Amino acid sequence: MSIRDFGPLVSRHRKYFRTGIARSVEWRESQLTALRDMMNDRAEDFYASLWTDLRRNKVDADWTDVKYY
């Protein structure tokens, strides 16, 4: 088993982040909040799609796909 040197990879990522191209933490948090809200608001649509596509019932869908606890 060999040990991989992640230094160059981390360095490239830090350099990229410092360019300002990456989004802010606040923007990312707002996107995740909006995604959670959408999942909760449209839960019935997700249940229907999951049942149609995967035959996944509501209980299983809540545990794996839809509900945020």
N, C-alpha and C. Protein backbone atom coordinates (compact mmCIF):
# COMPACT_ATOMS: atom_id res chain seq x y z
N MET A 1 0.85 -1.17 0.00
CA MET A 1 0.00 0.00 0.00
C MET A 1 0.90 1.24 0.00
N SER A 2 0.63 2.15 -0.89
CA SER A 2 1.43 3.38 -0.95
C SER A 2 0.65 4.54 -0.35
N ILE A 3 1.39 5.50 0.14
CA ILE A 3 0.80 6.71 0.71
C ILE A 3 0.84 7.79 -0.37
N ARG A 4 -0.31 8.35 -0.66
CA ARG A 4 -0.41 9.37 -1.71
C ARG A 4 -0.14 10.75 -1.14
N ASP A 5 0.59 11.56 -1.86
CA ASP A 5 0.88 12.92 -1.46
C ASP A 5 -0.21 13.84 -2.00
N PHE A 6 -1.02 14.38 -1.11
CA PHE A 6 -2.14 15.24 -1.51
C PHE A 6 -1.75 16.72 -1.54
N GLY A 7 -0.51 17.03 -1.21
CA GLY A 7 -0.06 18.42 -1.18
C GLY A 7 -0.33 19.18 -2.47
N PRO A 8 0.09 18.65 -3.63
CA PRO A 8 -0.17 19.38 -4.89
C PRO A 8 -1.66 19.57 -5.17
N LEU A 9 -2.46 18.57 -4.85
CA LEU A 9 -3.90 18.67 -5.07
C LEU A 9 -4.50 19.77 -4.19
N VAL A 10 -4.14 19.77 -2.92
CA VAL A 10 -4.63 20.79 -2.00
C VAL A 10 -4.17 22.17 -2.46
N SER A 11 -2.94 22.28 -2.89
CA SER A 11 -2.41 23.55 -3.36
C SER A 11 -3.20 24.09 -4.55
N ARG A 12 -3.51 23.21 -5.51
CA ARG A 12 -4.31 23.64 -6.68
C ARG A 12 -5.69 24.10 -6.26
N HIS A 13 -6.30 23.40 -5.34
CA HIS A 13 -7.64 23.78 -4.89
C HIS A 13 -7.62 25.11 -4.15
N ARG A 14 -6.61 25.31 -3.33
CA ARG A 14 -6.50 26.59 -2.62
C ARG A 14 -6.30 27.74 -3.60
N LYS A 15 -5.45 27.52 -4.59
CA LYS A 15 -5.19 28.56 -5.60
C LYS A 15 -6.49 28.89 -6.34
N TYR A 16 -7.26 27.88 -6.71
CA TYR A 16 -8.53 28.09 -7.39
C TYR A 16 -9.49 28.89 -6.50
N PHE A 17 -9.59 28.51 -5.24
CA PHE A 17 -10.49 29.19 -4.32
C PHE A 17 -10.12 30.67 -4.18
N ARG A 18 -8.85 30.96 -4.13
CA ARG A 18 -8.38 32.35 -3.96
C ARG A 18 -8.68 33.23 -5.18
N THR A 19 -8.99 32.64 -6.33
CA THR A 19 -9.31 33.44 -7.51
C THR A 19 -10.65 34.16 -7.35
N GLY A 20 -11.47 33.70 -6.41
CA GLY A 20 -12.78 34.31 -6.21
C GLY A 20 -13.87 33.69 -7.06
N ILE A 21 -13.51 32.68 -7.84
CA ILE A 21 -14.50 32.02 -8.69
C ILE A 21 -15.48 31.21 -7.85
N ALA A 22 -14.99 30.62 -6.77
CA ALA A 22 -15.84 29.78 -5.92
C ALA A 22 -16.90 30.64 -5.24
N ARG A 23 -18.05 30.06 -5.01
CA ARG A 23 -19.14 30.78 -4.35
C ARG A 23 -18.87 30.86 -2.85
N SER A 24 -19.49 31.85 -2.21
CA SER A 24 -19.31 32.04 -0.77
C SER A 24 -20.06 30.97 0.02
N VAL A 25 -19.66 30.82 1.26
CA VAL A 25 -20.33 29.88 2.15
C VAL A 25 -21.80 30.26 2.29
N GLU A 26 -22.06 31.56 2.40
CA GLU A 26 -23.45 32.02 2.56
C GLU A 26 -24.30 31.65 1.35
N TRP A 27 -23.74 31.79 0.16
CA TRP A 27 -24.47 31.41 -1.05
C TRP A 27 -24.76 29.92 -1.05
N ARG A 28 -23.78 29.12 -0.71
CA ARG A 28 -23.96 27.67 -0.67
C ARG A 28 -25.01 27.28 0.35
N GLU A 29 -24.97 27.91 1.53
CA GLU A 29 -25.98 27.61 2.56
C GLU A 29 -27.37 28.00 2.09
N SER A 30 -27.50 29.14 1.40
CA SER A 30 -28.81 29.56 0.91
C SER A 30 -29.34 28.58 -0.14
N GLN A 31 -28.45 28.05 -0.97
CA GLN A 31 -28.86 27.07 -1.98
C GLN A 31 -29.32 25.77 -1.32
N LEU A 32 -28.62 25.34 -0.29
CA LEU A 32 -29.02 24.12 0.42
C LEU A 32 -30.35 24.31 1.14
N THR A 33 -30.55 25.50 1.71
CA THR A 33 -31.82 25.81 2.38
C THR A 33 -32.96 25.80 1.36
N ALA A 34 -32.73 26.41 0.21
CA ALA A 34 -33.76 26.44 -0.84
C ALA A 34 -34.06 25.03 -1.34
N LEU A 35 -33.04 24.20 -1.46
CA LEU A 35 -33.25 22.82 -1.90
C LEU A 35 -34.08 22.05 -0.87
N ARG A 36 -33.75 22.20 0.41
CA ARG A 36 -34.53 21.54 1.47
C ARG A 36 -35.98 22.00 1.43
N ASP A 37 -36.19 23.31 1.31
CA ASP A 37 -37.56 23.84 1.27
C ASP A 37 -38.33 23.30 0.07
N MET A 38 -37.67 23.23 -1.08
CA MET A 38 -38.32 22.69 -2.27
C MET A 38 -38.67 21.23 -2.09
N MET A 39 -37.76 20.46 -1.51
CA MET A 39 -38.03 19.04 -1.27
C MET A 39 -39.24 18.87 -0.36
N ASN A 40 -39.33 19.70 0.67
CA ASN A 40 -40.48 19.61 1.58
C ASN A 40 -41.76 20.10 0.93
N ASP A 41 -41.69 21.21 0.17
CA ASP A 41 -42.88 21.76 -0.48
C ASP A 41 -43.43 20.82 -1.55
N ARG A 42 -42.56 20.11 -2.24
CA ARG A 42 -42.97 19.25 -3.35
C ARG A 42 -42.88 17.76 -3.00
N ALA A 43 -42.92 17.45 -1.73
CA ALA A 43 -42.75 16.07 -1.28
C ALA A 43 -43.71 15.12 -1.97
N GLU A 44 -44.96 15.49 -2.12
CA GLU A 44 -45.94 14.59 -2.74
C GLU A 44 -45.56 14.26 -4.19
N ASP A 45 -45.02 15.24 -4.90
CA ASP A 45 -44.56 14.99 -6.26
C ASP A 45 -43.39 14.01 -6.27
N PHE A 46 -42.49 14.17 -5.32
CA PHE A 46 -41.36 13.24 -5.22
C PHE A 46 -41.84 11.84 -4.88
N TYR A 47 -42.79 11.73 -3.95
CA TYR A 47 -43.34 10.41 -3.61
C TYR A 47 -43.91 9.73 -4.85
N ALA A 48 -44.69 10.47 -5.61
CA ALA A 48 -45.31 9.91 -6.81
C ALA A 48 -44.26 9.46 -7.81
N SER A 49 -43.26 10.27 -8.02
CA SER A 49 -42.20 9.91 -8.97
C SER A 49 -41.41 8.70 -8.50
N LEU A 50 -41.08 8.69 -7.22
CA LEU A 50 -40.32 7.56 -6.69
C LEU A 50 -41.13 6.26 -6.75
N TRP A 51 -42.44 6.37 -6.55
CA TRP A 51 -43.27 5.17 -6.67
C TRP A 51 -43.32 4.70 -8.12
N THR A 52 -43.54 5.64 -9.04
CA THR A 52 -43.62 5.30 -10.45
C THR A 52 -42.31 4.71 -10.97
N ASP A 53 -41.21 5.34 -10.65
CA ASP A 53 -39.91 4.93 -11.19
C ASP A 53 -39.31 3.72 -10.48
N LEU A 54 -39.42 3.71 -9.16
CA LEU A 54 -38.68 2.71 -8.37
C LEU A 54 -39.55 1.81 -7.49
N ARG A 55 -40.86 2.07 -7.50
CA ARG A 55 -41.78 1.38 -6.61
C ARG A 55 -41.35 1.53 -5.15
N ARG A 56 -40.88 2.73 -4.84
CA ARG A 56 -40.46 3.03 -3.47
C ARG A 56 -41.64 3.66 -2.75
N ASN A 57 -42.03 3.06 -1.62
CA ASN A 57 -43.17 3.59 -0.88
C ASN A 57 -42.77 4.82 -0.06
N LYS A 58 -43.77 5.50 0.52
CA LYS A 58 -43.53 6.75 1.22
C LYS A 58 -42.57 6.60 2.39
N VAL A 59 -42.72 5.53 3.16
CA VAL A 59 -41.86 5.32 4.32
C VAL A 59 -40.40 5.22 3.89
N ASP A 60 -40.15 4.38 2.89
CA ASP A 60 -38.78 4.24 2.39
C ASP A 60 -38.28 5.55 1.78
N ALA A 61 -39.15 6.23 1.05
CA ALA A 61 -38.76 7.49 0.43
C ALA A 61 -38.39 8.53 1.49
N ASP A 62 -39.16 8.57 2.58
CA ASP A 62 -38.83 9.50 3.66
C ASP A 62 -37.46 9.19 4.26
N TRP A 63 -37.16 7.95 4.42
CA TRP A 63 -35.88 7.57 5.03
C TRP A 63 -34.70 7.84 4.11
N THR A 64 -34.92 7.75 2.80
CA THR A 64 -33.77 7.80 1.90
C THR A 64 -33.73 9.01 0.97
N ASP A 65 -34.87 9.62 0.66
CA ASP A 65 -34.88 10.61 -0.41
C ASP A 65 -35.52 11.95 -0.11
N VAL A 66 -36.61 11.97 0.65
CA VAL A 66 -37.44 13.16 0.66
C VAL A 66 -37.33 13.97 1.94
N LYS A 67 -37.62 13.41 3.06
CA LYS A 67 -37.73 14.17 4.31
C LYS A 67 -36.38 14.59 4.87
N TYR A 68 -36.36 15.79 5.38
CA TYR A 68 -35.20 16.31 6.09
C TYR A 68 -35.58 16.37 7.57
N TYR A 69 -34.83 15.70 8.38
CA TYR A 69 -35.13 15.68 9.82
C TYR A 69 -34.16 16.52 10.59
